[in-house]
C-alpha atoms as a PDB file:
ATOM      1  CA  LEU A   1     -34.216  52.645   8.732  1.00  0.00           C
ATOM      2  CA  THR A   2     -35.088  48.940   7.187  1.00  0.00           C
ATOM      3  CA  MET A   3     -37.098  46.552   9.128  1.00  0.00           C
ATOM      4  CA  SER A   4     -36.307  42.491   8.319  1.00  0.00           C
ATOM      5  CA  TRP A   5     -39.623  40.635   7.610  1.00  0.00           C
ATOM      6  CA  GLN A   6     -38.662  38.334  10.475  1.00  0.00           C
ATOM      7  CA  ALA A   7     -38.581  41.446  12.869  1.00  0.00           C
ATOM      8  CA  TYR A   8     -41.951  42.375  11.887  1.00  0.00           C
ATOM      9  CA  VAL A   9     -43.271  39.015  12.620  1.00  0.00           C
ATOM     10  CA  ASP A  10     -41.435  39.041  15.997  1.00  0.00           C
ATOM     11  CA  ASP A  11     -42.691  42.211  16.922  1.00  0.00           C
ATOM     12  CA  GLN A  12     -45.741  43.106  15.295  1.00  0.00           C
ATOM     13  CA  LEU A  13     -47.632  39.713  15.217  1.00  0.00           C
ATOM     14  CA  VAL A  14     -46.165  37.618  18.193  1.00  0.00           C
ATOM     15  CA  GLY A  15     -45.368  40.989  19.957  1.00  0.00           C
ATOM     16  CA  ALA A  16     -48.609  42.102  19.867  1.00  0.00           C
ATOM     17  CA  GLY A  17     -50.281  39.124  21.679  1.00  0.00           C
ATOM     18  CA  LEU A  18     -50.904  36.399  18.969  1.00  0.00           C
ATOM     19  CA  THR A  19     -49.194  33.097  19.640  1.00  0.00           C
ATOM     20  CA  GLY A  20     -47.567  32.397  16.431  1.00  0.00           C
ATOM     21  CA  GLY A  21     -47.706  34.326  12.727  1.00  0.00           C
ATOM     22  CA  ALA A  22     -46.011  34.030   9.220  1.00  0.00           C
ATOM     23  CA  LEU A  23     -45.358  36.431   6.466  1.00  0.00           C
ATOM     24  CA  LEU A  24     -45.802  34.849   3.129  1.00  0.00           C
ATOM     25  CA  GLY A  25     -45.194  36.186  -0.828  1.00  0.00           C
ATOM     26  CA  HIS A  26     -48.355  36.234  -2.759  1.00  0.00           C
ATOM     27  CA  ASP A  27     -47.110  32.907  -4.358  1.00  0.00           C
ATOM     28  CA  GLY A  28     -47.377  31.623  -0.886  1.00  0.00           C
ATOM     29  CA  SER A  29     -43.414  31.541  -0.293  1.00  0.00           C
ATOM     30  CA  VAL A  30     -42.618  31.608   3.350  1.00  0.00           C
ATOM     31  CA  TRP A  31     -40.464  35.102   4.156  1.00  0.00           C
ATOM     32  CA  ALA A  32     -40.778  34.778   7.798  1.00  0.00           C
ATOM     33  CA  SER A  33     -42.162  33.202  10.842  1.00  0.00           C
ATOM     34  CA  LYS A  34     -42.609  32.343  14.353  1.00  0.00           C
ATOM     35  CA  ASN A  35     -44.135  29.477  16.554  1.00  0.00           C
ATOM     36  CA  PHE A  36     -46.089  28.937  13.174  1.00  0.00           C
ATOM     37  CA  ASN A  37     -44.893  26.380  10.489  1.00  0.00           C
ATOM     38  CA  LEU A  38     -46.708  25.702   7.406  1.00  0.00           C
ATOM     39  CA  GLN A  39     -46.274  22.118   5.884  1.00  0.00           C
ATOM     40  CA  GLY A  40     -46.267  21.256   2.555  1.00  0.00           C
ATOM     41  CA  ASN A  41     -47.944  23.397  -0.062  1.00  0.00           C
ATOM     42  CA  GLU A  42     -50.069  25.194   2.760  1.00  0.00           C
ATOM     43  CA  GLY A  43     -48.582  28.714   1.583  1.00  0.00           C
ATOM     44  CA  ALA A  44     -49.457  28.062  -2.261  1.00  0.00           C
ATOM     45  CA  ASN A  45     -52.833  26.683  -1.330  1.00  0.00           C
ATOM     46  CA  LEU A  46     -53.569  29.726   0.995  1.00  0.00           C
ATOM     47  CA  ALA A  47     -52.436  31.962  -1.970  1.00  0.00           C
ATOM     48  CA  ASN A  48     -54.693  30.067  -4.266  1.00  0.00           C
ATOM     49  CA  LEU A  49     -57.617  30.518  -1.995  1.00  0.00           C
ATOM     50  CA  PHE A  50     -57.444  34.325  -2.033  1.00  0.00           C
ATOM     51  CA  LYS A  51     -58.215  33.724  -5.495  1.00  0.00           C
ATOM     52  CA  ASN A  52     -61.716  32.541  -4.649  1.00  0.00           C
ATOM     53  CA  PRO A  53     -61.768  32.796  -1.035  1.00  0.00           C
ATOM     54  CA  ALA A  54     -65.752  31.943  -0.558  1.00  0.00           C
ATOM     55  CA  ASN A  55     -64.671  28.254  -1.329  1.00  0.00           C
ATOM     56  CA  VAL A  56     -63.208  28.586   2.495  1.00  0.00           C
ATOM     57  CA  PHE A  57     -66.848  28.092   3.589  1.00  0.00           C
ATOM     58  CA  ALA A  58     -67.398  24.760   2.115  1.00  0.00           C
ATOM     59  CA  ALA A  59     -63.438  23.458   2.077  1.00  0.00           C
ATOM     60  CA  GLY A  60     -61.774  25.155   5.274  1.00  0.00           C
ATOM     61  CA  VAL A  61     -58.183  26.117   5.500  1.00  0.00           C
ATOM     62  CA  VAL A  62     -55.356  24.030   6.389  1.00  0.00           C
ATOM     63  CA  LEU A  63     -52.300  25.729   7.921  1.00  0.00           C
ATOM     64  CA  GLY A  64     -49.555  24.291  10.350  1.00  0.00           C
ATOM     65  CA  GLY A  65     -51.011  21.059   9.777  1.00  0.00           C
ATOM     66  CA  ASN A  66     -54.454  21.793  11.327  1.00  0.00           C
ATOM     67  CA  LYS A  67     -57.556  22.374   9.332  1.00  0.00           C
ATOM     68  CA  TYR A  68     -59.690  25.140  10.351  1.00  0.00           C
ATOM     69  CA  MET A  69     -63.390  25.644   9.704  1.00  0.00           C
ATOM     70  CA  GLY A  70     -63.920  28.933   7.272  1.00  0.00           C
ATOM     71  CA  ILE A  71     -65.677  31.643   9.254  1.00  0.00           C
ATOM     72  CA  LYS A  72     -64.777  34.695   7.334  1.00  0.00           C
ATOM     73  CA  GLY A  73     -63.823  34.764   3.467  1.00  0.00           C
ATOM     74  CA  ASP A  74     -63.040  37.600   1.100  1.00  0.00           C
ATOM     75  CA  GLU A  75     -60.211  39.083  -1.276  1.00  0.00           C
ATOM     76  CA  ARG A  76     -58.586  40.659   1.659  1.00  0.00           C
ATOM     77  CA  SER A  77     -58.873  38.327   4.148  1.00  0.00           C
ATOM     78  CA  ILE A  78     -59.470  34.606   5.475  1.00  0.00           C
ATOM     79  CA  TYR A  79     -60.758  33.685   8.613  1.00  0.00           C
ATOM     80  CA  GLY A  80     -60.509  29.932  10.121  1.00  0.00           C
ATOM     81  CA  LYS A  81     -61.340  28.655  13.461  1.00  0.00           C
ATOM     82  CA  LYS A  82     -60.744  24.978  15.078  1.00  0.00           C
ATOM     83  CA  GLY A  83     -62.192  24.984  18.420  1.00  0.00           C
ATOM     84  CA  ALA A  84     -60.559  27.623  20.544  1.00  0.00           C
ATOM     85  CA  THR A  85     -57.915  28.199  18.343  1.00  0.00           C
ATOM     86  CA  GLY A  86     -57.752  29.997  14.934  1.00  0.00           C
ATOM     87  CA  VAL A  87     -56.224  31.714  12.102  1.00  0.00           C
ATOM     88  CA  ALA A  88     -56.503  35.130  10.345  1.00  0.00           C
ATOM     89  CA  THR A  89     -54.869  35.887   7.325  1.00  0.00           C
ATOM     90  CA  ALA A  90     -54.637  39.372   5.472  1.00  0.00           C
ATOM     91  CA  LYS A  91     -53.672  39.732   1.648  1.00  0.00           C
ATOM     92  CA  THR A  92     -51.702  43.234   1.207  1.00  0.00           C
ATOM     93  CA  GLY A  93     -50.210  44.868  -1.810  1.00  0.00           C
ATOM     94  CA  GLN A  94     -46.928  42.850  -1.071  1.00  0.00           C
ATOM     95  CA  ALA A  95     -47.558  40.089   1.134  1.00  0.00           C
ATOM     96  CA  ILE A  96     -50.166  37.656   2.828  1.00  0.00           C
ATOM     97  CA  ILE A  97     -49.971  37.908   6.684  1.00  0.00           C
ATOM     98  CA  ILE A  98     -51.186  35.201   8.828  1.00  0.00           C
ATOM     99  CA  GLY A  99     -51.854  35.460  12.517  1.00  0.00           C
ATOM    100  CA  TYR A 100     -52.631  32.351  14.859  1.00  0.00           C
ATOM    101  CA  TYR A 101     -54.280  32.372  18.242  1.00  0.00           C
ATOM    102  CA  ASP A 102     -54.518  29.738  21.014  1.00  0.00           C
ATOM    103  CA  GLU A 103     -57.175  29.064  23.228  1.00  0.00           C
ATOM    104  CA  LYS A 104     -55.992  32.039  25.118  1.00  0.00           C
ATOM    105  CA  GLY A 105     -56.605  34.560  22.335  1.00  0.00           C
ATOM    106  CA  GLN A 106     -59.246  35.657  20.454  1.00  0.00           C
ATOM    107  CA  PRO A 107     -59.797  36.514  16.521  1.00  0.00           C
ATOM    108  CA  GLY A 108     -60.547  40.099  17.292  1.00  0.00           C
ATOM    109  CA  ASN A 109     -56.508  40.217  18.241  1.00  0.00           C
ATOM    110  CA  ALA A 110     -55.417  38.917  15.333  1.00  0.00           C
END
């Protein structure tokens, strides 16, 4: 049984209650996304931010054209918040996962 990257985003991220999500390679290239579109170099910039994740506190993180205030940053996960919306990102052995929640969601769900 092989699951596509798109099915993972559709079922495991958005299907689990998030508003949107994306799956990236460690270089920031987009493998799959739903209801969340990265712009320009945002994927590569996020991948680079994982090299020095504490920088998220001073610089924030820009994803989907929105700048989020950094609220968590370590070698495994980076969280950003903008008003009642936010992003939670996690770096795994293979990929970078992005979960996006709107004002109806909570960061814990991401």
